[in-house]
Amino acid sequence: MASLMENLIDALDRESTEYEALLQLSQRKTPIIAGGDLAELQKITDEEQELVSRIHNLDKQRAGVTADIADVLNRDVNDLKLPNLITMLSARPAEQQALADSHDRLQAAVRGLKRVNEQNSELLNSALEMVEFEMNLLQASKAAPETANYNRGAYNAGNTMGVIDHGFDAKQ
């Protein structure tokens, strides 16, 4: 049982490390989203995919160790959550503390990642709204009515009211 606990703590620690790396990438992504650097955003997204793949593998390992612990304890694996397991280890305070620390570290990393991802999501939504606004502005300018200006040959000069060739100036 002791080696299973060590394996679980090791899996949690490695998973926490990967989540912390993912958090750092997400934090690096925030100014890139705000700046609109698509090439750099693609690089970070590729790095994130690699991290997520490693996290997925670690999660499988952790689930396997948890299933082994459930078998040893003769408990249902679905009922054996980390807080329950921490409580069950009251007779082994060193393992209990190590497991609680690993659990807390993992939770902190996931909470931070969730917060940064929500912030990045808001930035992306704002950027999409701005693009949509610019598209609507361009479409509206093309649909502006023509003036009734004629040249000397009695041909319509075809000037359109309100057309600005500069587009939207985001710096103003």
C-alpha atoms as a PDB file:
ATOM      1  CA  MET A   1       0.000   0.000   0.000  1.00  0.00           C
ATOM      2  CA  ALA A   2       2.886   2.360   0.797  1.00  0.00           C
ATOM      3  CA  SER A   3       4.347   2.046  -2.704  1.00  0.00           C
ATOM      4  CA  LEU A   4       0.912   2.695  -4.203  1.00  0.00           C
ATOM      5  CA  MET A   5       0.663   5.903  -2.162  1.00  0.00           C
ATOM      6  CA  GLU A   6       4.115   6.937  -3.316  1.00  0.00           C
ATOM      7  CA  ASN A   7       3.084   6.241  -6.918  1.00  0.00           C
ATOM      8  CA  LEU A   8      -0.086   8.299  -6.468  1.00  0.00           C
ATOM      9  CA  ILE A   9       1.800  11.197  -4.886  1.00  0.00           C
ATOM     10  CA  ASP A  10       4.403  11.042  -7.665  1.00  0.00           C
ATOM     11  CA  ALA A  11       1.695  11.040 -10.359  1.00  0.00           C
ATOM     12  CA  LEU A  12      -0.050  13.993  -8.702  1.00  0.00           C
ATOM     13  CA  ASP A  13       3.225  15.921  -8.432  1.00  0.00           C
ATOM     14  CA  ARG A  14       4.083  15.324 -12.090  1.00  0.00           C
ATOM     15  CA  GLU A  15       0.556  16.271 -13.116  1.00  0.00           C
ATOM     16  CA  SER A  16       0.796  19.453 -11.024  1.00  0.00           C
ATOM     17  CA  THR A  17       4.076  20.346 -12.717  1.00  0.00           C
ATOM     18  CA  GLU A  18       2.495  19.961 -16.152  1.00  0.00           C
ATOM     19  CA  TYR A  19      -0.551  22.024 -15.142  1.00  0.00           C
ATOM     20  CA  GLU A  20       1.755  24.752 -13.809  1.00  0.00           C
ATOM     21  CA  ALA A  21       3.607  24.774 -17.157  1.00  0.00           C
ATOM     22  CA  LEU A  22       0.256  25.012 -18.929  1.00  0.00           C
ATOM     23  CA  LEU A  23      -0.690  27.910 -16.656  1.00  0.00           C
ATOM     24  CA  GLN A  24       2.513  29.742 -17.590  1.00  0.00           C
ATOM     25  CA  LEU A  25       1.774  29.233 -21.282  1.00  0.00           C
ATOM     26  CA  SER A  26      -1.752  30.563 -20.828  1.00  0.00           C
ATOM     27  CA  GLN A  27      -0.377  33.604 -19.032  1.00  0.00           C
ATOM     28  CA  ARG A  28       2.076  34.190 -21.903  1.00  0.00           C
ATOM     29  CA  LYS A  29      -0.832  33.881 -24.313  1.00  0.00           C
ATOM     30  CA  THR A  30      -2.816  36.758 -22.762  1.00  0.00           C
ATOM     31  CA  PRO A  31      -0.739  39.663 -24.153  1.00  0.00           C
ATOM     32  CA  ILE A  32      -0.370  37.840 -27.467  1.00  0.00           C
ATOM     33  CA  ILE A  33      -4.153  37.621 -27.805  1.00  0.00           C
ATOM     34  CA  ALA A  34      -4.468  41.296 -26.909  1.00  0.00           C
ATOM     35  CA  GLY A  35      -1.797  42.188 -29.490  1.00  0.00           C
ATOM     36  CA  GLY A  36      -3.295  39.984 -32.197  1.00  0.00           C
ATOM     37  CA  ASP A  37      -0.044  38.143 -33.046  1.00  0.00           C
ATOM     38  CA  LEU A  38      -1.489  35.074 -34.774  1.00  0.00           C
ATOM     39  CA  ALA A  39       1.851  33.424 -35.560  1.00  0.00           C
ATOM     40  CA  GLU A  40       2.972  33.511 -31.918  1.00  0.00           C
ATOM     41  CA  LEU A  41      -0.506  32.414 -30.796  1.00  0.00           C
ATOM     42  CA  GLN A  42      -0.214  29.359 -33.060  1.00  0.00           C
ATOM     43  CA  LYS A  43       3.169  28.455 -31.535  1.00  0.00           C
ATOM     44  CA  ILE A  44       1.783  28.659 -28.004  1.00  0.00           C
ATOM     45  CA  THR A  45      -1.283  26.652 -28.996  1.00  0.00           C
ATOM     46  CA  ASP A  46       0.996  23.904 -30.368  1.00  0.00           C
ATOM     47  CA  GLU A  47       2.965  23.863 -27.105  1.00  0.00           C
ATOM     48  CA  GLU A  48      -0.312  23.681 -25.181  1.00  0.00           C
ATOM     49  CA  GLN A  49      -1.400  20.656 -27.208  1.00  0.00           C
ATOM     50  CA  GLU A  50       1.801  18.823 -26.261  1.00  0.00           C
ATOM     51  CA  LEU A  51       1.284  19.650 -22.573  1.00  0.00           C
ATOM     52  CA  VAL A  52      -2.353  18.579 -22.676  1.00  0.00           C
ATOM     53  CA  SER A  53      -1.311  15.261 -24.217  1.00  0.00           C
ATOM     54  CA  ARG A  54       1.203  14.683 -21.411  1.00  0.00           C
ATOM     55  CA  ILE A  55      -1.387  15.676 -18.794  1.00  0.00           C
ATOM     56  CA  HIS A  56      -3.836  13.210 -20.317  1.00  0.00           C
ATOM     57  CA  ASN A  57      -1.269  10.404 -20.027  1.00  0.00           C
ATOM     58  CA  LEU A  58      -0.475  11.341 -16.423  1.00  0.00           C
ATOM     59  CA  ASP A  59      -4.176  11.421 -15.629  1.00  0.00           C
ATOM     60  CA  LYS A  60      -4.500   7.874 -16.966  1.00  0.00           C
ATOM     61  CA  GLN A  61      -1.584   6.785 -14.766  1.00  0.00           C
ATOM     62  CA  ARG A  62      -3.138   8.455 -11.733  1.00  0.00           C
ATOM     63  CA  ALA A  63      -6.475   6.772 -12.439  1.00  0.00           C
ATOM     64  CA  GLY A  64      -4.710   3.405 -12.714  1.00  0.00           C
ATOM     65  CA  VAL A  65      -2.939   3.866  -9.379  1.00  0.00           C
ATOM     66  CA  THR A  66      -6.222   5.005  -7.792  1.00  0.00           C
ATOM     67  CA  ALA A  67      -7.928   1.861  -9.133  1.00  0.00           C
ATOM     68  CA  ASP A  68      -5.143  -0.278  -7.636  1.00  0.00           C
ATOM     69  CA  ILE A  69      -5.559   1.467  -4.269  1.00  0.00           C
ATOM     70  CA  ALA A  70      -9.323   0.901  -4.450  1.00  0.00           C
ATOM     71  CA  ASP A  71      -8.702  -2.810  -5.071  1.00  0.00           C
ATOM     72  CA  VAL A  72      -6.357  -3.058  -2.084  1.00  0.00           C
ATOM     73  CA  LEU A  73      -8.845  -1.238   0.155  1.00  0.00           C
ATOM     74  CA  ASN A  74     -11.766  -3.198  -1.300  1.00  0.00           C
ATOM     75  CA  ARG A  75     -13.585   0.048  -2.147  1.00  0.00           C
ATOM     76  CA  ASP A  76     -15.374   1.282  -5.230  1.00  0.00           C
ATOM     77  CA  VAL A  77     -12.972   3.372  -7.309  1.00  0.00           C
ATOM     78  CA  ASN A  78     -15.739   5.922  -8.019  1.00  0.00           C
ATOM     79  CA  ASP A  79     -16.156   6.576  -4.298  1.00  0.00           C
ATOM     80  CA  LEU A  80     -12.421   6.870  -3.677  1.00  0.00           C
ATOM     81  CA  LYS A  81     -11.721  10.560  -4.219  1.00  0.00           C
ATOM     82  CA  LEU A  82      -8.535  12.254  -3.037  1.00  0.00           C
ATOM     83  CA  PRO A  83     -10.155  14.064  -0.069  1.00  0.00           C
ATOM     84  CA  ASN A  84     -11.603  10.713   1.079  1.00  0.00           C
ATOM     85  CA  LEU A  85      -8.243   9.033   0.664  1.00  0.00           C
ATOM     86  CA  ILE A  86      -6.510  11.799   2.620  1.00  0.00           C
ATOM     87  CA  THR A  87      -8.985  11.305   5.462  1.00  0.00           C
ATOM     88  CA  MET A  88      -8.425   7.529   5.396  1.00  0.00           C
ATOM     89  CA  LEU A  89      -4.685   8.020   5.893  1.00  0.00           C
ATOM     90  CA  SER A  90      -5.061   9.480   9.382  1.00  0.00           C
ATOM     91  CA  ALA A  91      -3.011   6.563  10.783  1.00  0.00           C
ATOM     92  CA  ARG A  92      -0.107   7.549   8.490  1.00  0.00           C
ATOM     93  CA  PRO A  93       0.411  11.311   9.012  1.00  0.00           C
ATOM     94  CA  ALA A  94       3.496  11.586   6.755  1.00  0.00           C
ATOM     95  CA  GLU A  95       1.724  10.051   3.756  1.00  0.00           C
ATOM     96  CA  GLN A  96      -1.444  11.943   4.603  1.00  0.00           C
ATOM     97  CA  GLN A  97       0.423  15.277   4.598  1.00  0.00           C
ATOM     98  CA  ALA A  98       2.303  14.475   1.385  1.00  0.00           C
ATOM     99  CA  LEU A  99      -0.914  13.487  -0.382  1.00  0.00           C
ATOM    100  CA  ALA A 100      -2.726  16.584   0.927  1.00  0.00           C
ATOM    101  CA  ASP A 101       0.121  18.832  -0.265  1.00  0.00           C
ATOM    102  CA  SER A 102       0.105  17.249  -3.722  1.00  0.00           C
ATOM    103  CA  HIS A 103      -3.665  17.566  -3.908  1.00  0.00           C
ATOM    104  CA  ASP A 104      -3.563  21.228  -2.864  1.00  0.00           C
ATOM    105  CA  ARG A 105      -0.820  22.020  -5.371  1.00  0.00           C
ATOM    106  CA  LEU A 106      -2.799  20.399  -8.185  1.00  0.00           C
ATOM    107  CA  GLN A 107      -5.973  22.244  -7.204  1.00  0.00           C
ATOM    108  CA  ALA A 108      -4.154  25.597  -7.081  1.00  0.00           C
ATOM    109  CA  ALA A 109      -2.694  25.056 -10.551  1.00  0.00           C
ATOM    110  CA  VAL A 110      -6.079  24.064 -12.006  1.00  0.00           C
ATOM    111  CA  ARG A 111      -7.829  27.049 -10.378  1.00  0.00           C
ATOM    112  CA  GLY A 112      -5.192  29.427 -11.752  1.00  0.00           C
ATOM    113  CA  LEU A 113      -5.472  27.878 -15.193  1.00  0.00           C
ATOM    114  CA  LYS A 114      -9.243  28.220 -15.121  1.00  0.00           C
ATOM    115  CA  ARG A 115      -8.979  31.905 -14.172  1.00  0.00           C
ATOM    116  CA  VAL A 116      -6.469  32.713 -16.924  1.00  0.00           C
ATOM    117  CA  ASN A 117      -8.453  30.729 -19.514  1.00  0.00           C
ATOM    118  CA  GLU A 118     -11.608  32.683 -18.647  1.00  0.00           C
ATOM    119  CA  GLN A 119      -9.665  35.929 -19.058  1.00  0.00           C
ATOM    120  CA  ASN A 120      -8.256  34.790 -22.412  1.00  0.00           C
ATOM    121  CA  SER A 121     -11.728  33.734 -23.507  1.00  0.00           C
ATOM    122  CA  GLU A 122     -13.050  37.231 -22.754  1.00  0.00           C
ATOM    123  CA  LEU A 123     -10.198  38.761 -24.763  1.00  0.00           C
ATOM    124  CA  LEU A 124     -10.941  36.486 -27.708  1.00  0.00           C
ATOM    125  CA  ASN A 125     -14.635  37.336 -27.554  1.00  0.00           C
ATOM    126  CA  SER A 126     -13.805  41.045 -27.522  1.00  0.00           C
ATOM    127  CA  ALA A 127     -11.519  40.603 -30.525  1.00  0.00           C
ATOM    128  CA  LEU A 128     -14.250  38.726 -32.388  1.00  0.00           C
ATOM    129  CA  GLU A 129     -16.765  41.461 -31.583  1.00  0.00           C
ATOM    130  CA  MET A 130     -14.339  44.065 -32.945  1.00  0.00           C
ATOM    131  CA  VAL A 131     -13.852  42.090 -36.167  1.00  0.00           C
ATOM    132  CA  GLU A 132     -17.613  41.729 -36.521  1.00  0.00           C
ATOM    133  CA  PHE A 133     -18.047  45.477 -35.958  1.00  0.00           C
ATOM    134  CA  GLU A 134     -15.467  46.257 -38.661  1.00  0.00           C
ATOM    135  CA  MET A 135     -17.126  43.835 -41.071  1.00  0.00           C
ATOM    136  CA  ASN A 136     -20.509  45.453 -40.475  1.00  0.00           C
ATOM    137  CA  LEU A 137     -18.960  48.890 -40.951  1.00  0.00           C
ATOM    138  CA  LEU A 138     -17.440  47.860 -44.283  1.00  0.00           C
ATOM    139  CA  GLN A 139     -20.680  46.280 -45.464  1.00  0.00           C
ATOM    140  CA  ALA A 140     -22.660  49.354 -44.479  1.00  0.00           C
ATOM    141  CA  SER A 141     -20.290  51.670 -46.349  1.00  0.00           C
ATOM    142  CA  LYS A 142     -20.687  49.635 -49.530  1.00  0.00           C
ATOM    143  CA  ALA A 143     -24.454  49.802 -49.202  1.00  0.00           C
ATOM    144  CA  ALA A 144     -24.506  53.613 -48.860  1.00  0.00           C
ATOM    145  CA  PRO A 145     -26.674  55.391 -51.448  1.00  0.00           C
ATOM    146  CA  GLU A 146     -25.092  57.044 -54.444  1.00  0.00           C
ATOM    147  CA  THR A 147     -25.283  60.785 -54.875  1.00  0.00           C
ATOM    148  CA  ALA A 148     -27.142  62.362 -57.753  1.00  0.00           C
ATOM    149  CA  ASN A 149     -24.018  63.981 -59.148  1.00  0.00           C
ATOM    150  CA  TYR A 150     -23.722  64.094 -62.920  1.00  0.00           C
ATOM    151  CA  ASN A 151     -20.797  65.018 -65.075  1.00  0.00           C
ATOM    152  CA  ARG A 152     -20.900  67.150 -68.263  1.00  0.00           C
ATOM    153  CA  GLY A 153     -21.997  64.254 -70.430  1.00  0.00           C
ATOM    154  CA  ALA A 154     -25.034  63.690 -68.199  1.00  0.00           C
ATOM    155  CA  TYR A 155     -23.547  60.539 -66.817  1.00  0.00           C
ATOM    156  CA  ASN A 156     -23.832  59.668 -63.151  1.00  0.00           C
ATOM    157  CA  ALA A 157     -20.559  60.464 -61.394  1.00  0.00           C
ATOM    158  CA  GLY A 158     -21.341  57.605 -58.988  1.00  0.00           C
ATOM    159  CA  ASN A 159     -19.990  59.053 -55.769  1.00  0.00           C
ATOM    160  CA  THR A 160     -21.168  57.143 -52.724  1.00  0.00           C
ATOM    161  CA  MET A 161     -22.174  58.971 -49.602  1.00  0.00           C
ATOM    162  CA  GLY A 162     -20.190  58.355 -46.450  1.00  0.00           C
ATOM    163  CA  VAL A 163     -17.546  56.068 -47.975  1.00  0.00           C
ATOM    164  CA  ILE A 164     -14.225  56.252 -46.215  1.00  0.00           C
ATOM    165  CA  ASP A 165     -11.394  54.292 -47.745  1.00  0.00           C
ATOM    166  CA  HIS A 166      -9.396  54.137 -44.510  1.00  0.00           C
ATOM    167  CA  GLY A 167     -11.524  51.549 -42.654  1.00  0.00           C
ATOM    168  CA  PHE A 168     -11.637  51.438 -38.889  1.00  0.00           C
ATOM    169  CA  ASP A 169      -8.805  53.088 -36.967  1.00  0.00           C
ATOM    170  CA  ALA A 170      -8.290  51.089 -33.765  1.00  0.00           C
ATOM    171  CA  LYS A 171      -5.784  53.591 -32.353  1.00  0.00           C
ATOM    172  CA  GLN A 172      -8.326  56.342 -31.775  1.00  0.00           C
END
